[in-house]
Amino acid sequence: MKFHKEGYPTLLAALLFIALVNISIYKWLNYPIVVYLGYALSVFVLVTVLQFFRNPARITIIDGNTIVSPADGKVVVIEEVYEPEYFKDKRIQVSVFMSPINVHANRFPIGGLIKYVKYHAGLYLVAWHPKSSTENERTTVVVEHTNKEQILFRQIAGALARRIVYYCKENDKVEQGGEFGFIKFGSRVDIFLPLTSKVCVNLEQKTRGGETVIGTFS
């Protein structure tokens, strides 16, 4: 199990906090009950940081006909919607909600050529709010498959998420299942599929980024 590179600043801050707490207890509050509470708090903080920024290896079965989930989490939306930013037409939206206990690395749902990348500053509505897809802080990425179909996916900040990271730029060639970004502290990813696609997941279904097939091209 690897530790994600985005977590090192947070891990350093956590270790400094733990050191300050325990030094303070040793100097001024050196009572058994306080010492044990300090140990418990230290373990809790360290375990929380390590589990949040864990980055397990994922095995993506490369398949030119499948669209894999870009995130770990739970499917909370499957519906036909109008996509106003890039396509400006109707698409099938599939949304995956990531809780704070999920892995937060994001992966490319298909391989191909990046046609569009845009960051939007915005609000921090709860991730399941209907307007979070268009009003929250977010990034939009569009990848064109070799079959010329395009998939749009959007990282969306939530009420706790305060940092969205993405590593791609326009005209990059990317591989299905490769890592493209990270969202800190819970949020969601929206994927917009062609209307001709077949959706392969159900509402409330749990997904694994880079492995769960959420749809196929017609």
C-alpha atoms as a PDB file:
ATOM      1  CA  MET A   1       0.000   0.000   0.000  1.00  0.00           C
ATOM      2  CA  LYS A   2       1.569   3.292  -1.109  1.00  0.00           C
ATOM      3  CA  PHE A   3       1.159   6.687   0.532  1.00  0.00           C
ATOM      4  CA  HIS A   4      -0.022   9.310  -1.955  1.00  0.00           C
ATOM      5  CA  LYS A   5       2.377  12.173  -2.707  1.00  0.00           C
ATOM      6  CA  GLU A   6      -0.372  14.728  -2.026  1.00  0.00           C
ATOM      7  CA  GLY A   7      -0.421  13.625   1.600  1.00  0.00           C
ATOM      8  CA  TYR A   8       3.151  14.471   2.627  1.00  0.00           C
ATOM      9  CA  PRO A   9       2.471  18.098   3.687  1.00  0.00           C
ATOM     10  CA  THR A  10      -0.528  16.927   5.737  1.00  0.00           C
ATOM     11  CA  LEU A  11       1.511  14.085   7.259  1.00  0.00           C
ATOM     12  CA  LEU A  12       4.270  16.529   8.272  1.00  0.00           C
ATOM     13  CA  ALA A  13       1.713  18.847   9.874  1.00  0.00           C
ATOM     14  CA  ALA A  14       0.169  15.891  11.715  1.00  0.00           C
ATOM     15  CA  LEU A  15       3.548  14.749  13.068  1.00  0.00           C
ATOM     16  CA  LEU A  16       4.345  18.282  14.273  1.00  0.00           C
ATOM     17  CA  PHE A  17       0.931  18.463  15.983  1.00  0.00           C
ATOM     18  CA  ILE A  18       1.504  15.088  17.650  1.00  0.00           C
ATOM     19  CA  ALA A  19       4.954  16.162  18.841  1.00  0.00           C
ATOM     20  CA  LEU A  20       3.644  19.439  20.288  1.00  0.00           C
ATOM     21  CA  VAL A  21       0.760  17.694  22.063  1.00  0.00           C
ATOM     22  CA  ASN A  22       2.981  15.070  23.659  1.00  0.00           C
ATOM     23  CA  ILE A  23       5.747  17.521  24.641  1.00  0.00           C
ATOM     24  CA  SER A  24       3.148  19.802  26.232  1.00  0.00           C
ATOM     25  CA  ILE A  25       1.635  16.906  28.184  1.00  0.00           C
ATOM     26  CA  TYR A  26       5.071  15.742  29.363  1.00  0.00           C
ATOM     27  CA  LYS A  27       6.034  19.223  30.588  1.00  0.00           C
ATOM     28  CA  TRP A  28       2.802  20.541  32.104  1.00  0.00           C
ATOM     29  CA  LEU A  29       0.146  17.811  32.346  1.00  0.00           C
ATOM     30  CA  ASN A  30       2.115  14.705  33.188  1.00  0.00           C
ATOM     31  CA  TYR A  31      -0.751  12.742  34.745  1.00  0.00           C
ATOM     32  CA  PRO A  32      -1.474   9.121  33.689  1.00  0.00           C
ATOM     33  CA  ILE A  33      -4.978   9.785  32.352  1.00  0.00           C
ATOM     34  CA  VAL A  34      -3.791  12.823  30.356  1.00  0.00           C
ATOM     35  CA  VAL A  35      -0.801  10.892  29.001  1.00  0.00           C
ATOM     36  CA  TYR A  36      -3.057   8.059  27.792  1.00  0.00           C
ATOM     37  CA  LEU A  37      -5.459  10.547  26.198  1.00  0.00           C
ATOM     38  CA  GLY A  38      -2.512  12.164  24.425  1.00  0.00           C
ATOM     39  CA  TYR A  39      -1.388   8.772  23.107  1.00  0.00           C
ATOM     40  CA  ALA A  40      -4.911   7.982  21.914  1.00  0.00           C
ATOM     41  CA  LEU A  41      -5.219  11.342  20.144  1.00  0.00           C
ATOM     42  CA  SER A  42      -1.815  10.867  18.506  1.00  0.00           C
ATOM     43  CA  VAL A  43      -2.715   7.428  17.173  1.00  0.00           C
ATOM     44  CA  PHE A  44      -6.092   8.658  15.916  1.00  0.00           C
ATOM     45  CA  VAL A  45      -4.569  11.601  14.012  1.00  0.00           C
ATOM     46  CA  LEU A  46      -1.797   9.505  12.483  1.00  0.00           C
ATOM     47  CA  VAL A  47      -4.088   6.646  11.414  1.00  0.00           C
ATOM     48  CA  THR A  48      -6.615   9.108   9.934  1.00  0.00           C
ATOM     49  CA  VAL A  49      -3.962  10.786   7.771  1.00  0.00           C
ATOM     50  CA  LEU A  50      -2.425   7.487   6.656  1.00  0.00           C
ATOM     51  CA  GLN A  51      -5.760   5.953   5.666  1.00  0.00           C
ATOM     52  CA  PHE A  52      -7.000   9.063   3.893  1.00  0.00           C
ATOM     53  CA  PHE A  53      -3.922   9.389   1.688  1.00  0.00           C
ATOM     54  CA  ARG A  54      -3.468   5.689   0.997  1.00  0.00           C
ATOM     55  CA  ASN A  55      -2.942   4.900  -2.676  1.00  0.00           C
ATOM     56  CA  PRO A  56      -3.483   1.190  -3.341  1.00  0.00           C
ATOM     57  CA  ALA A  57      -2.381  -0.343  -6.624  1.00  0.00           C
ATOM     58  CA  ARG A  58      -5.226  -0.879  -9.074  1.00  0.00           C
ATOM     59  CA  ILE A  59      -5.283  -3.246 -12.038  1.00  0.00           C
ATOM     60  CA  THR A  60      -7.116  -1.763 -15.012  1.00  0.00           C
ATOM     61  CA  ILE A  61      -7.998  -4.227 -17.737  1.00  0.00           C
ATOM     62  CA  ILE A  62      -7.433  -2.034 -20.786  1.00  0.00           C
ATOM     63  CA  ASP A  63     -10.453  -2.379 -23.060  1.00  0.00           C
ATOM     64  CA  GLY A  64     -11.270   0.042 -25.857  1.00  0.00           C
ATOM     65  CA  ASN A  65     -15.001  -0.534 -25.412  1.00  0.00           C
ATOM     66  CA  THR A  66     -15.298   0.067 -21.661  1.00  0.00           C
ATOM     67  CA  ILE A  67     -15.496   3.175 -19.475  1.00  0.00           C
ATOM     68  CA  VAL A  68     -14.130   2.613 -15.966  1.00  0.00           C
ATOM     69  CA  SER A  69     -14.936   4.524 -12.807  1.00  0.00           C
ATOM     70  CA  PRO A  70     -12.630   7.489 -12.184  1.00  0.00           C
ATOM     71  CA  ALA A  71     -13.055   7.205  -8.413  1.00  0.00           C
ATOM     72  CA  ASP A  72     -13.716   4.962  -5.438  1.00  0.00           C
ATOM     73  CA  GLY A  73     -17.070   5.623  -3.851  1.00  0.00           C
ATOM     74  CA  LYS A  74     -20.798   5.138  -4.395  1.00  0.00           C
ATOM     75  CA  VAL A  75     -22.946   5.845  -7.458  1.00  0.00           C
ATOM     76  CA  VAL A  76     -25.400   8.600  -6.488  1.00  0.00           C
ATOM     77  CA  VAL A  77     -26.670   9.833  -9.880  1.00  0.00           C
ATOM     78  CA  ILE A  78     -27.584   8.100 -13.141  1.00  0.00           C
ATOM     79  CA  GLU A  79     -29.657  10.343 -15.378  1.00  0.00           C
ATOM     80  CA  GLU A  80     -29.914  12.011 -18.758  1.00  0.00           C
ATOM     81  CA  VAL A  81     -28.956  15.680 -18.471  1.00  0.00           C
ATOM     82  CA  TYR A  82     -27.980  18.689 -20.549  1.00  0.00           C
ATOM     83  CA  GLU A  83     -24.201  19.325 -20.328  1.00  0.00           C
ATOM     84  CA  PRO A  84     -23.719  23.102 -20.756  1.00  0.00           C
ATOM     85  CA  GLU A  85     -19.962  23.635 -20.553  1.00  0.00           C
ATOM     86  CA  TYR A  86     -18.415  21.656 -23.394  1.00  0.00           C
ATOM     87  CA  PHE A  87     -20.821  19.411 -25.304  1.00  0.00           C
ATOM     88  CA  LYS A  88     -23.846  21.692 -25.011  1.00  0.00           C
ATOM     89  CA  ASP A  89     -26.142  18.759 -25.626  1.00  0.00           C
ATOM     90  CA  LYS A  90     -27.669  15.852 -23.732  1.00  0.00           C
ATOM     91  CA  ARG A  91     -25.503  13.208 -22.091  1.00  0.00           C
ATOM     92  CA  ILE A  92     -25.846  10.413 -19.544  1.00  0.00           C
ATOM     93  CA  GLN A  93     -24.468  11.623 -16.226  1.00  0.00           C
ATOM     94  CA  VAL A  94     -23.058   9.103 -13.752  1.00  0.00           C
ATOM     95  CA  SER A  95     -21.850  10.578 -10.452  1.00  0.00           C
ATOM     96  CA  VAL A  96     -19.638   8.853  -7.880  1.00  0.00           C
ATOM     97  CA  PHE A  97     -19.608  10.251  -4.337  1.00  0.00           C
ATOM     98  CA  MET A  98     -16.405   9.842  -2.317  1.00  0.00           C
ATOM     99  CA  SER A  99     -16.713   9.822   1.467  1.00  0.00           C
ATOM    100  CA  PRO A 100     -13.733  10.759   3.675  1.00  0.00           C
ATOM    101  CA  ILE A 101     -12.918   7.047   4.120  1.00  0.00           C
ATOM    102  CA  ASN A 102     -12.622   6.329   0.379  1.00  0.00           C
ATOM    103  CA  VAL A 103      -9.412   6.363  -1.651  1.00  0.00           C
ATOM    104  CA  HIS A 104      -9.238   9.844  -3.203  1.00  0.00           C
ATOM    105  CA  ALA A 105      -6.921   9.345  -6.171  1.00  0.00           C
ATOM    106  CA  ASN A 106      -8.796   9.874  -9.471  1.00  0.00           C
ATOM    107  CA  ARG A 107      -8.203   7.838 -12.636  1.00  0.00           C
ATOM    108  CA  PHE A 108      -8.872   8.240 -16.362  1.00  0.00           C
ATOM    109  CA  PRO A 109     -12.084   6.412 -17.353  1.00  0.00           C
ATOM    110  CA  ILE A 110     -10.825   5.914 -20.925  1.00  0.00           C
ATOM    111  CA  GLY A 111      -7.553   6.248 -22.785  1.00  0.00           C
ATOM    112  CA  GLY A 112      -7.036   8.719 -25.587  1.00  0.00           C
ATOM    113  CA  LEU A 113      -6.191  12.367 -26.237  1.00  0.00           C
ATOM    114  CA  ILE A 114      -7.088  15.173 -23.835  1.00  0.00           C
ATOM    115  CA  LYS A 115      -9.110  17.753 -25.739  1.00  0.00           C
ATOM    116  CA  TYR A 116     -10.131  20.123 -22.945  1.00  0.00           C
ATOM    117  CA  VAL A 117      -9.053  20.969 -19.387  1.00  0.00           C
ATOM    118  CA  LYS A 118     -10.498  23.816 -17.339  1.00  0.00           C
ATOM    119  CA  TYR A 119     -10.438  24.774 -13.667  1.00  0.00           C
ATOM    120  CA  HIS A 120     -13.395  26.690 -12.183  1.00  0.00           C
ATOM    121  CA  ALA A 121     -13.309  28.503  -8.862  1.00  0.00           C
ATOM    122  CA  GLY A 122     -16.603  28.212  -7.026  1.00  0.00           C
ATOM    123  CA  LEU A 123     -18.619  27.400  -3.924  1.00  0.00           C
ATOM    124  CA  TYR A 124     -18.353  24.521  -1.447  1.00  0.00           C
ATOM    125  CA  LEU A 125     -21.887  23.164  -1.369  1.00  0.00           C
ATOM    126  CA  VAL A 126     -22.264  19.613  -0.074  1.00  0.00           C
ATOM    127  CA  ALA A 127     -21.243  17.234  -2.854  1.00  0.00           C
ATOM    128  CA  TRP A 128     -24.741  15.751  -3.299  1.00  0.00           C
ATOM    129  CA  HIS A 129     -26.362  19.160  -3.780  1.00  0.00           C
ATOM    130  CA  PRO A 130     -27.971  19.363  -7.275  1.00  0.00           C
ATOM    131  CA  LYS A 131     -26.104  22.601  -8.082  1.00  0.00           C
ATOM    132  CA  SER A 132     -22.667  21.401  -6.929  1.00  0.00           C
ATOM    133  CA  SER A 133     -21.856  20.175 -10.460  1.00  0.00           C
ATOM    134  CA  THR A 134     -22.138  23.701 -11.879  1.00  0.00           C
ATOM    135  CA  GLU A 135     -21.485  26.036  -8.914  1.00  0.00           C
ATOM    136  CA  ASN A 136     -18.812  24.375  -6.753  1.00  0.00           C
ATOM    137  CA  GLU A 137     -15.064  24.574  -7.261  1.00  0.00           C
ATOM    138  CA  ARG A 138     -14.361  22.016  -9.968  1.00  0.00           C
ATOM    139  CA  THR A 139     -12.184  20.894 -12.847  1.00  0.00           C
ATOM    140  CA  THR A 140     -13.461  19.603 -16.180  1.00  0.00           C
ATOM    141  CA  VAL A 141     -11.498  17.215 -18.388  1.00  0.00           C
ATOM    142  CA  VAL A 142     -12.507  15.812 -21.776  1.00  0.00           C
ATOM    143  CA  VAL A 143     -10.742  12.807 -23.309  1.00  0.00           C
ATOM    144  CA  GLU A 144     -11.284  11.753 -26.926  1.00  0.00           C
ATOM    145  CA  HIS A 145     -11.147   8.007 -27.504  1.00  0.00           C
ATOM    146  CA  THR A 146      -9.587   6.501 -30.634  1.00  0.00           C
ATOM    147  CA  ASN A 147     -13.158   5.774 -31.777  1.00  0.00           C
ATOM    148  CA  LYS A 148     -13.704   9.585 -31.729  1.00  0.00           C
ATOM    149  CA  GLU A 149     -16.206   9.408 -28.882  1.00  0.00           C
ATOM    150  CA  GLN A 150     -15.529  11.920 -26.100  1.00  0.00           C
ATOM    151  CA  ILE A 151     -16.008  11.470 -22.360  1.00  0.00           C
ATOM    152  CA  LEU A 152     -16.213  14.436 -19.991  1.00  0.00           C
ATOM    153  CA  PHE A 153     -15.453  13.978 -16.301  1.00  0.00           C
ATOM    154  CA  ARG A 154     -15.519  16.588 -13.589  1.00  0.00           C
ATOM    155  CA  GLN A 155     -13.842  16.706 -10.162  1.00  0.00           C
ATOM    156  CA  ILE A 156     -16.137  18.571  -7.770  1.00  0.00           C
ATOM    157  CA  ALA A 157     -15.199  19.978  -4.374  1.00  0.00           C
ATOM    158  CA  GLY A 158     -17.581  19.419  -1.482  1.00  0.00           C
ATOM    159  CA  ALA A 159     -18.279  21.019   1.877  1.00  0.00           C
ATOM    160  CA  LEU A 160     -15.024  19.634   3.323  1.00  0.00           C
ATOM    161  CA  ALA A 161     -12.902  19.445   0.182  1.00  0.00           C
ATOM    162  CA  ARG A 162     -10.677  22.480  -0.154  1.00  0.00           C
ATOM    163  CA  ARG A 163      -8.152  21.345  -2.706  1.00  0.00           C
ATOM    164  CA  ILE A 164      -8.557  19.744  -6.116  1.00  0.00           C
ATOM    165  CA  VAL A 165      -5.389  18.573  -7.850  1.00  0.00           C
ATOM    166  CA  TYR A 166      -5.110  17.492 -11.492  1.00  0.00           C
ATOM    167  CA  TYR A 167      -2.008  16.476 -13.426  1.00  0.00           C
ATOM    168  CA  CYS A 168      -3.124  16.595 -17.054  1.00  0.00           C
ATOM    169  CA  LYS A 169      -3.181  19.227 -19.793  1.00  0.00           C
ATOM    170  CA  GLU A 170      -4.635  19.548 -23.266  1.00  0.00           C
ATOM    171  CA  ASN A 171      -3.083  17.348 -25.986  1.00  0.00           C
ATOM    172  CA  ASP A 172      -1.680  14.848 -23.491  1.00  0.00           C
ATOM    173  CA  LYS A 173      -2.065  11.212 -24.497  1.00  0.00           C
ATOM    174  CA  VAL A 174      -3.398   9.246 -21.546  1.00  0.00           C
ATOM    175  CA  GLU A 175      -3.977   5.629 -20.621  1.00  0.00           C
ATOM    176  CA  GLN A 176      -7.191   4.181 -19.250  1.00  0.00           C
ATOM    177  CA  GLY A 177      -6.877   3.771 -15.464  1.00  0.00           C
ATOM    178  CA  GLY A 178      -3.907   6.135 -15.187  1.00  0.00           C
ATOM    179  CA  GLU A 179      -4.004   8.621 -12.331  1.00  0.00           C
ATOM    180  CA  PHE A 180      -5.096  12.135 -13.286  1.00  0.00           C
ATOM    181  CA  GLY A 181      -5.733  13.865  -9.971  1.00  0.00           C
ATOM    182  CA  PHE A 182      -6.702  13.895  -6.312  1.00  0.00           C
ATOM    183  CA  ILE A 183      -9.426  15.531  -4.209  1.00  0.00           C
ATOM    184  CA  LYS A 184      -8.838  16.117  -0.500  1.00  0.00           C
ATOM    185  CA  PHE A 185     -11.423  15.236   2.138  1.00  0.00           C
ATOM    186  CA  GLY A 186     -14.421  13.849   0.280  1.00  0.00           C
ATOM    187  CA  SER A 187     -16.320  15.009  -2.768  1.00  0.00           C
ATOM    188  CA  ARG A 188     -17.570  13.580  -6.038  1.00  0.00           C
ATOM    189  CA  VAL A 189     -16.743  12.979  -9.690  1.00  0.00           C
ATOM    190  CA  ASP A 190     -19.293  13.354 -12.503  1.00  0.00           C
ATOM    191  CA  ILE A 191     -18.859  11.446 -15.772  1.00  0.00           C
ATOM    192  CA  PHE A 192     -20.801  12.379 -18.911  1.00  0.00           C
ATOM    193  CA  LEU A 193     -21.300   9.547 -21.395  1.00  0.00           C
ATOM    194  CA  PRO A 194     -22.726   9.577 -24.950  1.00  0.00           C
ATOM    195  CA  LEU A 195     -26.452   8.829 -25.048  1.00  0.00           C
ATOM    196  CA  THR A 196     -25.680   5.673 -27.018  1.00  0.00           C
ATOM    197  CA  SER A 197     -23.581   4.263 -24.147  1.00  0.00           C
ATOM    198  CA  LYS A 198     -24.741   1.352 -22.031  1.00  0.00           C
ATOM    199  CA  VAL A 199     -24.602   2.053 -18.275  1.00  0.00           C
ATOM    200  CA  CYS A 200     -23.262  -0.932 -16.319  1.00  0.00           C
ATOM    201  CA  VAL A 201     -23.750   0.260 -12.730  1.00  0.00           C
ATOM    202  CA  ASN A 202     -26.751   0.880 -10.489  1.00  0.00           C
ATOM    203  CA  LEU A 203     -27.602   3.585  -7.971  1.00  0.00           C
ATOM    204  CA  GLU A 204     -25.936   3.020  -4.579  1.00  0.00           C
ATOM    205  CA  GLN A 205     -23.420   0.611  -6.124  1.00  0.00           C
ATOM    206  CA  LYS A 206     -19.883   0.891  -4.770  1.00  0.00           C
ATOM    207  CA  THR A 207     -17.098   1.513  -7.260  1.00  0.00           C
ATOM    208  CA  ARG A 208     -13.322   1.099  -7.386  1.00  0.00           C
ATOM    209  CA  GLY A 209     -11.413   3.683  -9.390  1.00  0.00           C
ATOM    210  CA  GLY A 210      -9.765   2.246 -12.468  1.00  0.00           C
ATOM    211  CA  GLU A 211     -11.461  -1.144 -12.077  1.00  0.00           C
ATOM    212  CA  THR A 212     -15.281  -0.897 -11.943  1.00  0.00           C
ATOM    213  CA  VAL A 213     -16.807  -0.706 -15.428  1.00  0.00           C
ATOM    214  CA  ILE A 214     -19.466   2.014 -15.340  1.00  0.00           C
ATOM    215  CA  GLY A 215     -20.395   1.852 -19.008  1.00  0.00           C
ATOM    216  CA  THR A 216     -19.579   0.663 -22.499  1.00  0.00           C
ATOM    217  CA  PHE A 217     -19.624   2.325 -25.896  1.00  0.00           C
ATOM    218  CA  SER A 218     -22.344   1.194 -28.274  1.00  0.00           C
END
